[in-house]
């Protein structure tokens, strides 16, 4: 079961709600999503520079956007909240 399914399962149960389980499910869901965002904004070396794959639009050795240095603003925001 995914973290999202756990969250939906906890939310769908009858009252009273076990707030500890709800918080656990929310935390697991947030960790899962954070991991997915980090995977999208992973670093890659391009022409001797470490850039963000997602922000730079990197694919097949070239970029669609101007190369964005890694860690990008998205990764910096995640690092500052944790």
Protein backbone atom coordinates (compact mmCIF):
# COMPACT_ATOMS: atom_id res chain seq x y z
CA UNK A 1 0.00 0.00 0.00
CA UNK A 2 1.37 3.44 -0.89
CA UNK A 3 1.61 6.29 1.61
CA UNK A 4 -1.27 8.03 -0.18
CA UNK A 5 -3.46 4.95 0.13
CA UNK A 6 -2.57 4.74 3.83
CA UNK A 7 -3.61 8.37 4.24
CA UNK A 8 -6.92 7.81 2.45
CA UNK A 9 -7.53 4.65 4.49
CA UNK A 10 -6.97 6.46 7.78
CA UNK A 11 -9.16 9.38 6.69
CA UNK A 12 -11.99 7.06 5.62
CA UNK A 13 -12.31 5.25 8.95
CA UNK A 14 -15.11 5.91 11.40
CA UNK A 15 -14.76 8.48 14.17
CA UNK A 16 -13.05 8.97 16.53
CA UNK A 17 -9.94 9.52 14.47
CA UNK A 18 -6.60 8.31 15.80
CA UNK A 19 -4.64 11.52 15.27
CA UNK A 20 -1.33 9.73 15.77
CA UNK A 21 -2.10 7.42 12.82
CA UNK A 22 -3.27 10.34 10.70
CA UNK A 23 -0.03 12.22 11.43
CA UNK A 24 2.01 9.09 10.66
CA UNK A 25 0.21 8.70 7.33
CA UNK A 26 0.72 12.39 6.45
CA UNK A 27 4.42 12.18 7.33
CA UNK A 28 4.88 9.05 5.21
CA UNK A 29 3.07 10.70 2.29
CA UNK A 30 5.23 13.83 2.60
CA UNK A 31 8.43 11.72 2.66
CA UNK A 32 7.27 9.81 -0.42
CA UNK A 33 6.51 13.01 -2.34
CA UNK A 34 9.76 14.66 -1.24
CA UNK A 35 11.66 11.65 -2.56
CA UNK A 36 9.89 11.92 -5.90
CA UNK A 37 10.68 15.64 -6.17
CA UNK A 38 14.34 14.98 -5.31
CA UNK A 39 14.44 12.29 -8.01
CA UNK A 40 13.13 14.77 -10.60
CA UNK A 41 15.62 17.46 -9.55
CA UNK A 42 18.63 15.16 -9.46
CA UNK A 43 22.12 16.38 -10.38
CA UNK A 44 23.91 15.55 -13.60
CA UNK A 45 27.28 16.71 -14.92
CA UNK A 46 26.86 18.65 -18.17
CA UNK A 47 29.88 20.26 -19.85
CA UNK A 48 31.86 20.13 -16.61
CA UNK A 49 29.09 21.67 -14.48
CA UNK A 50 26.71 19.97 -12.08
CA UNK A 51 23.20 20.99 -13.12
CA UNK A 52 19.61 20.09 -12.21
CA UNK A 53 18.08 17.63 -14.65
CA UNK A 54 14.52 18.96 -14.31
CA UNK A 55 15.14 22.72 -14.19
CA UNK A 56 17.58 22.53 -17.09
CA UNK A 57 15.36 20.33 -19.25
CA UNK A 58 18.29 17.93 -19.63
CA UNK A 59 17.95 14.89 -21.89
CA UNK A 60 20.28 12.97 -24.16
CA UNK A 61 23.27 15.16 -23.32
CA UNK A 62 21.69 18.56 -23.98
CA UNK A 63 19.37 21.03 -22.25
CA UNK A 64 16.14 22.64 -23.40
CA UNK A 65 16.51 25.48 -20.87
CA UNK A 66 19.56 27.40 -19.71
CA UNK A 67 21.55 25.07 -17.42
CA UNK A 68 20.52 25.53 -13.77
CA UNK A 69 23.18 24.83 -11.17
CA UNK A 70 22.44 22.01 -8.74
CA UNK A 71 21.28 22.27 -6.01
CA UNK A 72 18.49 24.22 -7.66
CA UNK A 73 15.97 26.42 -5.83
CA UNK A 74 13.62 23.45 -5.38
CA UNK A 75 16.26 21.29 -3.67
CA UNK A 76 17.40 24.26 -1.57
CA UNK A 77 13.81 24.81 -0.40
CA UNK A 78 13.47 21.12 0.53
CA UNK A 79 16.79 21.21 2.40
CA UNK A 80 15.77 24.31 4.33
CA UNK A 81 12.45 22.86 5.49
CA UNK A 82 13.86 19.56 6.74
